[in-house]
Amino acid sequence: MSLPPGKLEVLWSRLVAAADEQAAALIRTSFTPIVRDSGDLSAAIFDDRGWMVAQAVTGTPGHINSLAASMRHFLDRFPQPAPDDVLITNEPWLSSGQLNDFTIVTPVFAGTRLLGYVGSTCHAIDIGGRGLSADASEVYEEGLRVLPTRLYTADGPNQQLLDLIEANVRMPRLVLGDLHAQVVGNQVGARAVQALVEEFELPDLRELADQVVERSEEAMRAAIDALPDGSYHSEVTTDGIGEEPVHVRCEIRVEGSHLTVDYAGSSAQSDRGINVVLNYTAAYTTYGLKCALAPHVPHNEGTFRPLTVTAPEGSIVNARFPAAVAARHVVGQFLPFAVMEALAPVAPHARMAQGSGNVWLTTIRGTRQEADPDDGEAEFVTVFFASGGTGARPSRDGLSSTSFPSGIATTPVEVIEATSPVVVEEKSLRAGSGGDGERRGGLGQRIRVSVRTDEPWRISCLADRLHHPAPGLDGGGAGAPGGFHLSDGRVADPKLTTTVAADGSVTLDLPGGGGIGDPADRDPDLRRRDELDGFA
């Protein structure tokens, strides 16, 4: 039986509000800037079949879409959860592709009746191992793996598991603090779902889910059906590791209202930690497709159904266990560009030049001059995000220092310096770094950091576009390449861990986005504005 349109709209809005409330509770109780200030998380609500029905506004595509995929693995292992269960995993091949991401799922009950689930995925500041870099050659080196298990039961927390995590991470107070924040966020979301079901006298979320999912599926299929049947191709090249670039080859096959994305022909998996699991590949691929074809359609189980994502096992975008995967986003976040470029001939409204691509995730580890007053520890680990420029769009310039497609906020200088001994000596836009064109690419930025310490410190920066800048479109210029500069003049691969002298500094030059169209066609007023703003 169909819900009346008015009631459906009220229920749907309430469910989205519940997901937002869940995410807000997680953010407010988080211990780390990576979650609290940058928003490296996701939160969503599922029905009792594991269908994603609603998601929070905040969050990254890599987290939210892989969270949806991970639900089937939780249901396979725990087909009959108990009311007080809380489930957890960070297994890359079952969730979001790297060990630093914990996925926590909480069943929602009314008495003994299962209503659905709430879940979140959150980036832990540390998971042990070699640290967040591409150094490792196997996932075993990258940290602690937690297969799907119970974090809480009716008897309380799984203290043995919590003790195991505490013993294997560098920053246990922060890591465990964020795990408990996820649990609290899920509790808030669960209570909101329970209140919704009770107020409207629903048996569970199925009837609402059926209608929401059906509408999204129909809209997504209509968008695909509007495309001519055929096969469309693109290729994106990224830096990879050392002298070995990564090639991502994308074929999109449109057949009626179904679309298949095939990455056959892409580079083989690497012996370093830049490999991508299929869950993460599908997450950013489906995000790119939704941006190109149906950006205004509510995102849920229905938007996945008309899409198939495939890649050869053992390729860079479908790595075979036990490949190292910590830096998977330096390849995975380029997939939306491959998708949109392939579809450009038949979906011109979605065209945009390539941008800086992946968000630059920088990890700095070392020893403070004085122990942290909160936990008495001298050792510290800090993680911060920064972004380069996006590619130009047909009718607008690219955005400067904006993290498309990840959606993560750049970490404020004040937060970096207040939560760690890192000093940000410079943070500025890179004049002229956006590719020239009728529409200019977005600018990258320069960030120079040092550390208040008396001992050497270590840095890894999951950067790209140092050797393969973002190309322009239709005669537009390429964006400026990125750079990673040590104050002592050494040359190092930023994806690998580098030791810096106590008094040394590192400069990150983030790349610019590509331009669109002949530079000769750019409006002179826009050029004057760029000069006045210091962008040229």
Protein backbone atom coordinates (compact mmCIF):
# COMPACT_ATOMS: atom_id res chain seq x y z
CA MET A 1 0.00 0.00 0.00
CA SER A 2 1.38 3.39 -1.02
CA LEU A 3 1.84 6.18 1.47
CA PRO A 4 -0.07 9.40 0.64
CA PRO A 5 2.29 11.96 -0.98
CA GLY A 6 2.05 14.38 1.94
CA LYS A 7 2.81 11.72 4.52
CA LEU A 8 5.63 10.34 2.39
CA GLU A 9 7.25 13.78 2.23
CA VAL A 10 6.97 14.24 6.01
CA LEU A 11 8.41 10.79 6.75
CA TRP A 12 11.23 11.22 4.25
CA SER A 13 12.18 14.65 5.64
CA ARG A 14 12.14 13.29 9.19
CA LEU A 15 14.37 10.37 8.21
CA VAL A 16 16.93 12.67 6.55
CA ALA A 17 16.81 14.89 9.66
CA ALA A 18 17.49 11.81 11.80
CA ALA A 19 20.59 10.99 9.72
CA ASP A 20 21.78 14.60 10.02
CA GLU A 21 21.22 14.50 13.78
CA GLN A 22 23.23 11.28 13.95
CA ALA A 23 26.15 12.86 12.07
CA ALA A 24 25.98 16.02 14.16
CA ALA A 25 26.20 14.03 17.40
CA LEU A 26 29.22 12.16 16.06
CA ILE A 27 30.95 15.39 15.05
CA ARG A 28 30.21 17.16 18.34
CA THR A 29 31.58 14.28 20.42
CA SER A 30 34.60 13.50 18.23
CA PHE A 31 38.08 13.80 19.72
CA THR A 32 39.93 14.64 16.49
CA PRO A 33 40.04 17.48 13.94
CA ILE A 34 39.96 14.92 11.13
CA VAL A 35 36.33 14.24 12.06
CA ARG A 36 35.27 17.34 13.99
CA ASP A 37 36.64 19.99 11.62
CA SER A 38 37.22 18.25 8.28
CA GLY A 39 34.17 15.96 8.25
CA ASP A 40 35.93 12.76 7.17
CA LEU A 41 32.92 10.59 7.99
CA SER A 42 29.54 9.37 6.84
CA ALA A 43 26.25 8.54 8.53
CA ALA A 44 23.23 6.74 7.11
CA ILE A 45 19.99 4.93 7.94
CA PHE A 46 19.04 1.51 6.56
CA ASP A 47 15.90 -0.60 6.64
CA ASP A 48 15.90 -4.12 8.09
CA ARG A 49 16.98 -5.55 4.70
CA GLY A 50 20.13 -3.44 4.73
CA TRP A 51 18.93 -0.98 2.06
CA MET A 52 20.33 2.51 2.51
CA VAL A 53 17.31 4.82 2.73
CA ALA A 54 18.73 8.16 3.92
CA GLN A 55 22.15 9.70 4.43
CA ALA A 56 23.46 12.74 6.29
CA VAL A 57 24.34 15.84 4.31
CA THR A 58 27.91 15.75 5.59
CA GLY A 59 30.34 13.02 4.60
CA THR A 60 32.43 11.75 1.70
CA PRO A 61 31.30 9.62 -1.28
CA GLY A 62 34.01 7.10 -0.49
CA HIS A 63 32.57 6.60 2.97
CA ILE A 64 28.83 6.79 2.35
CA ASN A 65 28.75 4.55 -0.72
CA SER A 66 31.09 1.93 0.74
CA LEU A 67 29.07 2.03 3.99
CA ALA A 68 26.05 1.05 1.92
CA ALA A 69 28.03 -1.81 0.38
CA SER A 70 29.37 -3.00 3.74
CA MET A 71 25.85 -3.60 5.10
CA ARG A 72 25.48 -6.85 3.15
CA HIS A 73 28.62 -8.18 4.85
CA PHE A 74 27.29 -7.31 8.31
CA LEU A 75 23.95 -8.97 7.49
CA ASP A 76 25.72 -12.09 6.20
CA ARG A 77 27.67 -12.44 9.45
CA PHE A 78 24.95 -11.28 11.84
CA PRO A 79 21.60 -12.22 10.26
CA GLN A 80 19.81 -12.07 13.63
CA PRO A 81 21.26 -9.20 15.67
CA ALA A 82 20.23 -8.62 19.27
CA PRO A 83 18.77 -5.32 20.53
CA ASP A 84 21.97 -4.22 22.31
CA ASP A 85 24.44 -5.21 19.60
CA VAL A 86 26.86 -2.72 18.07
CA LEU A 87 28.89 -4.08 15.15
CA ILE A 88 32.31 -2.95 13.92
CA THR A 89 34.85 -3.58 11.17
CA ASN A 90 37.68 -1.84 9.35
CA GLU A 91 38.42 -4.69 6.94
CA PRO A 92 39.25 -2.85 3.67
CA TRP A 93 37.68 -5.37 1.28
CA LEU A 94 34.41 -5.34 3.21
CA SER A 95 34.13 -1.61 3.87
CA SER A 96 35.81 1.59 2.67
CA GLY A 97 39.15 0.33 1.48
CA GLN A 98 41.69 1.24 4.19
CA LEU A 99 42.35 0.19 7.77
CA ASN A 100 42.06 3.72 9.16
CA ASP A 101 38.31 3.76 8.44
CA PHE A 102 36.13 2.17 11.11
CA THR A 103 32.56 1.28 10.16
CA ILE A 104 30.15 0.90 13.08
CA VAL A 105 26.58 -0.35 12.60
CA THR A 106 23.83 -0.40 15.25
CA PRO A 107 20.58 -2.39 14.83
CA VAL A 108 17.47 -0.38 15.73
CA PHE A 109 14.72 -2.17 17.64
CA ALA A 110 11.28 -1.42 19.03
CA GLY A 111 11.15 -3.99 21.80
CA THR A 112 12.15 -7.20 20.02
CA ARG A 113 11.07 -5.97 16.56
CA LEU A 114 13.94 -5.04 14.22
CA LEU A 115 13.19 -1.69 12.55
CA GLY A 116 16.41 -1.18 10.62
CA TYR A 117 19.99 -0.06 11.16
CA VAL A 118 22.02 3.10 11.59
CA GLY A 119 25.66 3.19 10.58
CA SER A 120 28.68 5.44 10.27
CA THR A 121 32.17 5.30 8.84
CA CYS A 122 34.87 7.44 10.41
CA HIS A 123 38.56 8.00 9.76
CA ALA A 124 40.71 7.01 12.77
CA ILE A 125 43.74 9.23 13.27
CA ASP A 126 45.96 6.15 13.64
CA ILE A 127 45.64 2.38 13.29
CA GLY A 128 49.22 1.37 14.06
CA GLY A 129 51.42 -0.20 11.39
CA ARG A 130 53.65 2.02 9.29
CA GLY A 131 51.41 5.08 9.53
CA LEU A 132 49.15 6.55 6.88
CA SER A 133 51.41 6.43 3.81
CA ALA A 134 52.07 4.30 0.76
CA ASP A 135 55.17 2.74 2.36
CA ALA A 136 53.77 -0.75 2.93
CA SER A 137 53.87 -3.61 0.44
CA GLU A 138 51.09 -5.62 2.16
CA VAL A 139 48.03 -4.72 4.20
CA TYR A 140 49.55 -6.65 7.13
CA GLU A 141 52.10 -3.84 7.52
CA GLU A 142 49.49 -1.09 7.56
CA GLY A 143 47.96 -1.67 10.97
CA LEU A 144 45.33 -3.57 12.91
CA ARG A 145 42.57 -5.41 11.00
CA VAL A 146 39.25 -5.86 12.76
CA LEU A 147 36.96 -8.30 10.98
CA PRO A 148 33.19 -7.80 11.49
CA THR A 149 32.53 -8.42 15.17
CA ARG A 150 30.49 -7.13 18.09
CA LEU A 151 31.80 -4.00 19.78
CA TYR A 152 28.90 -3.98 22.26
CA THR A 153 26.41 -6.61 23.43
CA ALA A 154 23.80 -6.72 26.18
CA ASP A 155 26.68 -7.37 28.58
CA GLY A 156 28.37 -4.07 27.68
CA PRO A 157 31.49 -3.23 25.66
CA ASN A 158 33.74 -5.87 24.17
CA GLN A 159 36.58 -4.88 26.46
CA GLN A 160 39.03 -7.41 25.00
CA LEU A 161 38.62 -5.82 21.56
CA LEU A 162 38.96 -2.29 22.96
CA ASP A 163 42.11 -3.34 24.85
CA LEU A 164 43.51 -4.86 21.65
CA ILE A 165 42.89 -1.65 19.71
CA GLU A 166 44.36 0.46 22.51
CA ALA A 167 47.52 -1.65 22.55
CA ASN A 168 48.07 -1.35 18.79
CA VAL A 169 47.63 2.36 18.03
CA ARG A 170 49.87 5.33 18.72
CA MET A 171 47.12 7.65 19.96
CA PRO A 172 44.74 5.38 21.93
CA ARG A 173 42.85 8.21 23.68
CA LEU A 174 41.95 9.81 20.35
CA VAL A 175 41.21 6.57 18.51
CA LEU A 176 39.00 5.11 21.25
CA GLY A 177 37.40 8.50 21.79
CA ASP A 178 36.27 8.62 18.17
CA LEU A 179 35.03 5.02 18.29
CA HIS A 180 32.82 5.91 21.24
CA ALA A 181 31.69 9.05 19.38
CA GLN A 182 30.51 6.80 16.54
CA VAL A 183 28.61 4.64 19.02
CA VAL A 184 26.97 7.74 20.53
CA GLY A 185 26.11 9.13 17.10
CA ASN A 186 24.45 5.84 16.19
CA GLN A 187 22.47 5.91 19.45
CA VAL A 188 21.16 9.37 18.61
CA GLY A 189 20.16 8.24 15.13
CA ALA A 190 18.53 5.09 16.50
CA ARG A 191 16.43 7.06 18.98
CA ALA A 192 15.25 9.36 16.19
CA VAL A 193 14.21 6.35 14.08
CA GLN A 194 12.40 4.78 17.05
CA ALA A 195 10.53 8.04 17.70
CA LEU A 196 9.53 8.31 14.03
CA VAL A 197 8.20 4.76 13.88
CA GLU A 198 6.30 5.17 17.16
CA GLU A 199 4.77 8.53 16.25
CA PHE A 200 3.48 7.35 12.87
CA GLU A 201 2.65 3.81 14.04
CA LEU A 202 4.84 2.11 11.45
CA PRO A 203 5.79 -1.57 11.81
CA ASP A 204 9.29 -0.80 10.51
CA LEU A 205 10.96 1.24 7.74
CA ARG A 206 10.10 -1.08 4.84
CA GLU A 207 7.07 0.70 3.39
CA LEU A 208 8.85 4.05 3.48
CA ALA A 209 12.03 2.50 2.05
CA ASP A 210 10.16 0.80 -0.78
CA GLN A 211 8.67 4.05 -2.02
CA VAL A 212 11.77 6.22 -1.57
CA VAL A 213 14.02 3.63 -3.21
CA GLU A 214 11.58 3.01 -6.07
CA ARG A 215 11.36 6.73 -6.89
CA SER A 216 15.12 7.17 -6.90
CA GLU A 217 15.60 4.10 -9.06
CA GLU A 218 13.01 5.30 -11.58
CA ALA A 219 14.65 8.73 -11.79
CA MET A 220 18.12 7.25 -12.22
CA ARG A 221 16.92 4.86 -14.92
CA ALA A 222 15.18 7.71 -16.75
CA ALA A 223 18.44 9.69 -16.76
CA ILE A 224 20.33 6.71 -18.18
CA ASP A 225 17.58 5.94 -20.70
CA ALA A 226 17.95 9.48 -22.08
CA LEU A 227 21.51 8.63 -23.18
CA PRO A 228 22.11 7.00 -26.57
CA ASP A 229 22.97 3.33 -26.26
CA GLY A 230 26.64 2.77 -26.92
CA SER A 231 30.14 2.51 -25.53
CA TYR A 232 32.06 5.55 -24.26
CA HIS A 233 35.71 5.72 -23.24
CA SER A 234 38.24 7.79 -21.31
CA GLU A 235 41.65 7.48 -19.68
CA VAL A 236 43.09 9.31 -16.69
CA THR A 237 46.79 9.22 -15.78
CA THR A 238 48.06 9.90 -12.26
CA ASP A 239 51.54 9.97 -10.75
CA GLY A 240 51.56 6.56 -9.11
CA ILE A 241 54.74 5.78 -7.18
CA GLY A 242 58.21 6.81 -8.28
CA GLU A 243 58.59 6.55 -12.04
CA GLU A 244 55.53 4.34 -12.56
CA PRO A 245 52.40 6.35 -13.42
CA VAL A 246 48.96 4.84 -13.00
CA HIS A 247 46.59 4.60 -15.96
CA VAL A 248 42.88 4.27 -15.35
CA ARG A 249 40.99 3.19 -18.45
CA CYS A 250 37.24 3.58 -18.31
CA GLU A 251 34.59 2.16 -20.62
CA ILE A 252 30.94 3.04 -20.04
CA ARG A 253 28.34 0.87 -21.76
CA VAL A 254 24.80 2.23 -21.93
CA GLU A 255 22.09 -0.33 -22.62
CA GLY A 256 18.58 1.05 -22.23
CA SER A 257 18.11 2.08 -18.61
CA HIS A 258 21.19 0.23 -17.34
CA LEU A 259 24.78 1.46 -17.32
CA THR A 260 27.99 -0.54 -16.83
CA VAL A 261 31.38 0.97 -16.01
CA ASP A 262 34.30 -1.30 -16.85
CA TYR A 263 37.90 -0.51 -15.88
CA ALA A 264 39.52 -3.27 -17.96
CA GLY A 265 42.92 -2.19 -19.26
CA SER A 266 43.81 -0.14 -16.18
CA SER A 267 47.21 -0.52 -14.56
CA ALA A 268 47.98 -3.63 -12.55
CA GLN A 269 47.94 -3.38 -8.76
CA SER A 270 51.00 -1.80 -7.20
CA ASP A 271 53.52 -3.21 -4.74
CA ARG A 272 52.93 -0.09 -2.63
CA GLY A 273 49.87 1.17 -0.75
CA ILE A 274 48.04 3.02 -3.54
CA ASN A 275 45.76 0.10 -4.45
CA VAL A 276 41.96 0.43 -4.49
CA VAL A 277 39.46 -2.24 -3.45
CA LEU A 278 36.34 -2.69 -5.59
CA ASN A 279 34.05 -1.27 -2.86
CA TYR A 280 35.89 2.07 -3.00
CA THR A 281 36.11 1.97 -6.79
CA ALA A 282 32.34 1.49 -6.98
CA ALA A 283 31.79 4.25 -4.39
CA TYR A 284 33.53 6.99 -6.37
CA THR A 285 32.34 5.66 -9.71
CA THR A 286 28.68 5.77 -8.70
CA TYR A 287 29.24 9.23 -7.22
CA GLY A 288 30.65 10.47 -10.54
CA LEU A 289 27.71 8.97 -12.41
CA LYS A 290 25.21 10.59 -10.09
CA CYS A 291 26.91 13.99 -10.45
CA ALA A 292 26.80 13.65 -14.24
CA LEU A 293 23.31 12.24 -14.68
CA ALA A 294 21.03 12.82 -11.69
CA PRO A 295 22.52 15.24 -9.14
CA HIS A 296 19.15 16.22 -7.63
CA VAL A 297 17.78 12.71 -7.09
CA PRO A 298 17.81 11.52 -3.44
CA HIS A 299 20.70 9.11 -3.00
CA ASN A 300 19.84 5.66 -1.66
CA GLU A 301 19.61 2.00 -2.60
CA GLY A 302 17.63 2.94 -5.70
CA THR A 303 20.37 5.01 -7.33
CA PHE A 304 22.76 2.03 -7.19
CA ARG A 305 20.44 -0.47 -8.87
CA PRO A 306 20.76 0.64 -12.51
CA LEU A 307 24.58 0.68 -12.24
CA THR A 308 27.22 -2.04 -12.50
CA VAL A 309 30.90 -1.39 -11.78
CA THR A 310 33.48 -3.95 -12.77
CA ALA A 311 37.28 -4.15 -12.89
CA PRO A 312 39.73 -7.02 -13.41
CA GLU A 313 40.84 -8.60 -10.17
CA GLY A 314 44.47 -7.72 -9.57
CA SER A 315 44.15 -4.30 -11.22
CA ILE A 316 44.88 -1.02 -9.47
CA VAL A 317 41.12 -0.48 -9.00
CA ASN A 318 40.29 -4.02 -7.84
CA ALA A 319 43.28 -5.02 -5.78
CA ARG A 320 43.70 -8.60 -4.68
CA PHE A 321 44.23 -9.32 -0.96
CA PRO A 322 46.68 -8.77 0.76
CA ALA A 323 47.62 -5.70 -1.29
CA ALA A 324 48.59 -2.54 0.57
CA VAL A 325 45.74 -0.01 0.40
CA ALA A 326 46.37 2.82 2.91
CA ALA A 327 46.70 5.49 0.20
CA ARG A 328 43.85 4.19 -1.95
CA HIS A 329 42.28 7.62 -2.39
CA VAL A 330 45.23 8.91 -4.46
CA VAL A 331 43.84 6.75 -7.27
CA GLY A 332 40.22 6.27 -6.25
CA GLN A 333 39.32 9.96 -6.13
CA PHE A 334 40.25 10.36 -9.80
CA LEU A 335 37.51 7.96 -10.91
CA PRO A 336 34.72 10.60 -11.13
CA PHE A 337 36.88 12.46 -13.67
CA ALA A 338 37.19 9.31 -15.78
CA VAL A 339 33.43 8.79 -15.64
CA MET A 340 32.50 12.37 -16.51
CA GLU A 341 35.06 12.56 -19.30
CA ALA A 342 33.74 9.36 -20.86
CA LEU A 343 30.15 10.67 -20.72
CA ALA A 344 31.03 14.15 -22.00
CA PRO A 345 29.97 13.47 -25.62
CA VAL A 346 26.44 12.51 -24.56
CA ALA A 347 26.08 14.48 -21.29
CA PRO A 348 27.67 17.85 -22.13
CA HIS A 349 25.97 19.60 -19.19
CA ALA A 350 28.16 17.51 -16.87
CA ARG A 351 31.45 18.40 -18.55
CA MET A 352 34.24 19.85 -16.48
CA ALA A 353 37.99 19.92 -16.86
CA GLN A 354 40.01 17.71 -14.59
CA GLY A 355 41.05 19.20 -11.27
CA SER A 356 43.72 18.54 -8.68
CA GLY A 357 41.97 15.23 -8.00
CA ASN A 358 42.59 13.67 -4.64
CA VAL A 359 42.58 15.60 -1.40
CA TRP A 360 46.13 15.90 0.00
CA LEU A 361 46.13 14.06 3.33
CA THR A 362 49.23 14.95 5.34
CA THR A 363 50.33 12.98 8.41
CA ILE A 364 53.06 14.34 10.70
CA ARG A 365 54.50 12.31 13.58
CA GLY A 366 57.11 13.19 16.14
CA THR A 367 57.87 14.23 19.70
CA ARG A 368 56.61 17.37 21.42
CA GLN A 369 58.91 19.68 23.35
CA GLU A 370 56.50 19.24 26.27
CA ALA A 371 54.08 16.40 27.04
CA ASP A 372 50.45 16.80 26.03
CA PRO A 373 48.59 18.04 29.15
CA ASP A 374 45.53 15.90 28.24
CA ASP A 375 47.22 12.50 28.28
CA GLY A 376 50.81 13.12 29.36
CA GLU A 377 52.15 11.79 26.05
CA ALA A 378 55.16 13.39 24.37
CA GLU A 379 54.57 11.54 21.10
CA PHE A 380 52.07 13.08 18.70
CA VAL A 381 50.34 12.26 15.43
CA THR A 382 48.43 14.89 13.51
CA VAL A 383 46.56 14.63 10.23
CA PHE A 384 45.33 17.53 8.13
CA PHE A 385 43.67 17.91 4.75
CA ALA A 386 44.33 20.40 1.98
CA SER A 387 42.95 20.75 -1.52
CA GLY A 388 44.02 22.11 -4.86
CA GLY A 389 41.88 23.69 -7.55
CA THR A 390 38.94 22.11 -9.34
CA GLY A 391 38.65 22.07 -13.10
CA ALA A 392 36.80 24.79 -14.99
CA ARG A 393 33.18 24.27 -15.99
CA PRO A 394 31.64 25.33 -19.32
CA SER A 395 29.99 28.39 -17.80
CA ARG A 396 32.16 29.11 -14.74
CA ASP A 397 35.76 29.16 -13.55
CA GLY A 398 36.99 26.34 -11.37
CA LEU A 399 36.93 26.64 -7.58
CA SER A 400 40.17 27.36 -5.75
CA SER A 401 41.38 25.08 -2.96
CA THR A 402 38.23 22.98 -2.97
CA SER A 403 38.18 19.25 -2.30
CA PHE A 404 36.18 17.84 -5.17
CA PRO A 405 35.27 14.98 -5.32
CA SER A 406 35.91 14.09 -1.68
CA GLY A 407 33.83 16.83 -0.03
CA ILE A 408 36.24 17.09 2.92
CA ALA A 409 36.88 20.50 4.46
CA THR A 410 40.40 21.88 4.49
CA THR A 411 41.72 21.87 8.06
CA PRO A 412 41.97 25.43 9.46
CA VAL A 413 45.41 26.67 10.48
CA GLU A 414 44.11 27.51 13.97
CA VAL A 415 42.99 23.91 14.48
CA ILE A 416 46.26 22.41 13.25
CA GLU A 417 48.31 24.61 15.58
CA ALA A 418 45.99 24.29 18.58
CA THR A 419 45.91 20.49 18.51
CA SER A 420 49.54 19.72 17.66
CA PRO A 421 53.04 21.24 17.75
CA VAL A 422 52.87 21.80 13.97
CA VAL A 423 53.41 25.42 12.87
CA VAL A 424 51.87 26.60 9.60
CA GLU A 425 54.39 29.19 8.43
CA GLU A 426 52.58 30.02 5.19
CA LYS A 427 49.22 29.30 3.64
CA SER A 428 48.38 31.14 0.44
CA LEU A 429 46.80 30.71 -2.98
CA ARG A 430 49.27 29.96 -5.79
CA ALA A 431 48.90 32.79 -8.28
CA GLY A 432 48.65 31.54 -11.86
CA SER A 433 48.22 27.89 -10.91
CA GLY A 434 44.78 27.55 -12.52
CA GLY A 435 44.87 26.47 -16.15
CA ASP A 436 44.18 29.34 -18.57
CA GLY A 437 41.15 29.29 -20.81
CA GLU A 438 37.84 30.94 -21.59
CA ARG A 439 37.02 29.55 -18.16
CA ARG A 440 39.99 29.37 -15.80
CA GLY A 441 40.83 26.40 -13.61
CA GLY A 442 40.74 26.81 -9.84
CA LEU A 443 43.93 27.76 -8.01
CA GLY A 444 45.99 25.50 -5.80
CA GLN A 445 47.56 26.67 -2.55
CA ARG A 446 50.96 26.75 -0.86
CA ILE A 447 51.33 25.45 2.70
CA ARG A 448 54.67 25.50 4.53
CA VAL A 449 54.90 23.64 7.85
CA SER A 450 57.45 23.10 10.60
CA VAL A 451 57.24 21.49 14.05
CA ARG A 452 58.03 22.81 17.55
CA THR A 453 60.34 19.97 18.51
CA ASP A 454 63.94 19.19 19.41
CA GLU A 455 63.99 15.91 17.52
CA PRO A 456 63.57 14.82 13.86
CA TRP A 457 59.97 14.37 12.74
CA ARG A 458 58.30 12.34 10.02
CA ILE A 459 55.88 13.39 7.31
CA SER A 460 53.92 11.64 4.58
CA CYS A 461 51.62 13.47 2.19
CA LEU A 462 49.22 11.49 0.03
CA ALA A 463 49.68 13.86 -2.88
CA ASP A 464 49.37 13.57 -6.65
CA ARG A 465 49.55 15.66 -9.83
CA LEU A 466 53.24 16.43 -9.21
CA HIS A 467 54.18 14.92 -12.58
CA HIS A 468 50.83 14.72 -14.41
CA PRO A 469 49.02 18.07 -14.04
CA ALA A 470 45.31 18.41 -14.65
CA PRO A 471 44.76 18.73 -18.41
CA GLY A 472 42.50 21.38 -19.91
CA LEU A 473 39.56 20.88 -22.25
CA ASP A 474 38.72 22.37 -25.66
CA GLY A 475 41.98 24.29 -25.89
CA GLY A 476 42.16 25.21 -22.21
CA GLY A 477 45.50 25.12 -20.45
CA ALA A 478 46.65 22.57 -17.91
CA GLY A 479 46.73 23.44 -14.24
CA ALA A 480 50.07 23.92 -12.54
CA PRO A 481 51.62 20.72 -11.18
CA GLY A 482 52.00 20.18 -7.46
CA GLY A 483 55.22 20.15 -5.49
CA PHE A 484 56.71 18.70 -2.29
CA HIS A 485 59.79 20.63 -1.16
CA LEU A 486 62.06 19.90 1.79
CA SER A 487 63.95 22.86 3.25
CA ASP A 488 67.26 20.98 2.98
CA GLY A 489 66.81 20.53 -0.79
CA ARG A 490 66.34 16.77 -0.80
CA VAL A 491 63.96 15.22 -3.34
CA ALA A 492 61.44 12.76 -1.90
CA ASP A 493 58.22 11.03 -2.92
CA PRO A 494 55.54 12.62 -0.71
CA LYS A 495 53.49 9.39 -0.55
CA LEU A 496 56.32 7.72 1.35
CA THR A 497 57.42 8.62 4.87
CA THR A 498 60.23 11.20 5.00
CA THR A 499 62.25 12.17 8.08
CA VAL A 500 62.83 15.90 8.53
CA ALA A 501 65.39 17.58 10.81
CA ALA A 502 64.03 19.21 13.96
CA ASP A 503 64.60 22.68 12.53
CA GLY A 504 63.48 21.76 9.01
CA SER A 505 60.31 22.63 7.13
CA VAL A 506 58.26 21.22 4.26
CA THR A 507 56.40 23.17 1.59
CA LEU A 508 53.35 21.68 -0.09
CA ASP A 509 52.40 23.22 -3.44
CA LEU A 510 48.94 21.97 -4.32
CA PRO A 511 48.08 21.72 -8.02
CA GLY A 512 45.62 23.84 -9.98
CA GLY A 513 42.68 22.72 -12.11
CA GLY A 514 42.55 22.64 -15.89
CA GLY A 515 40.93 25.38 -17.95
CA ILE A 516 38.17 25.12 -20.59
CA GLY A 517 38.18 26.83 -23.98
CA ASP A 518 40.59 29.03 -25.92
CA PRO A 519 42.33 31.52 -23.61
CA ALA A 520 41.89 34.17 -26.31
CA ASP A 521 38.13 34.00 -25.72
CA ARG A 522 38.34 34.90 -22.02
CA ASP A 523 36.39 37.99 -21.03
CA PRO A 524 38.86 40.88 -20.49
CA ASP A 525 36.91 41.91 -17.39
CA LEU A 526 37.54 38.48 -15.88
CA ARG A 527 41.26 38.82 -16.60
CA ARG A 528 41.34 42.23 -14.91
CA ARG A 529 39.53 40.78 -11.92
CA ASP A 530 42.07 37.94 -11.68
CA GLU A 531 44.89 40.49 -11.70
CA LEU A 532 43.26 42.65 -9.02
CA ASP A 533 42.61 39.59 -6.83
CA GLY A 534 46.17 38.33 -7.25
CA PHE A 535 45.04 35.17 -9.03
CA ALA A 536 46.88 35.73 -12.32
